[in-house]
């Protein structure tokens, strides 16, 4: 329910942003020119920046994930799969008494 409310607020704010910034601007892409509403240009720039940021973070995440997998494998090799319960002397056993 909270996600739906957040999505609704985002849509309302986006529509308000678009209604206030609907002027057409020219974007020069060196090989071509694009005429688009300012709000779309701003949204495209934000999404492009978020995508580039995510791509910049991915290699570090992959390295950490691989290191974690190697560490988990080492731990599983060092610990027995089923460890026997600790042996306790039976009551009246001579090994534990003098």
Foldseek 3Di string as FASTA:
>chain_A
DVVVVVVVVVVVVLVVVCVVFQDWDWDCPPVDIDTGTPSVVVVVVVVVVVVVVVVVCVVVVVVVVVVVVVVVVVVPVVDDPDDDDDDDDDVPDVVVDD
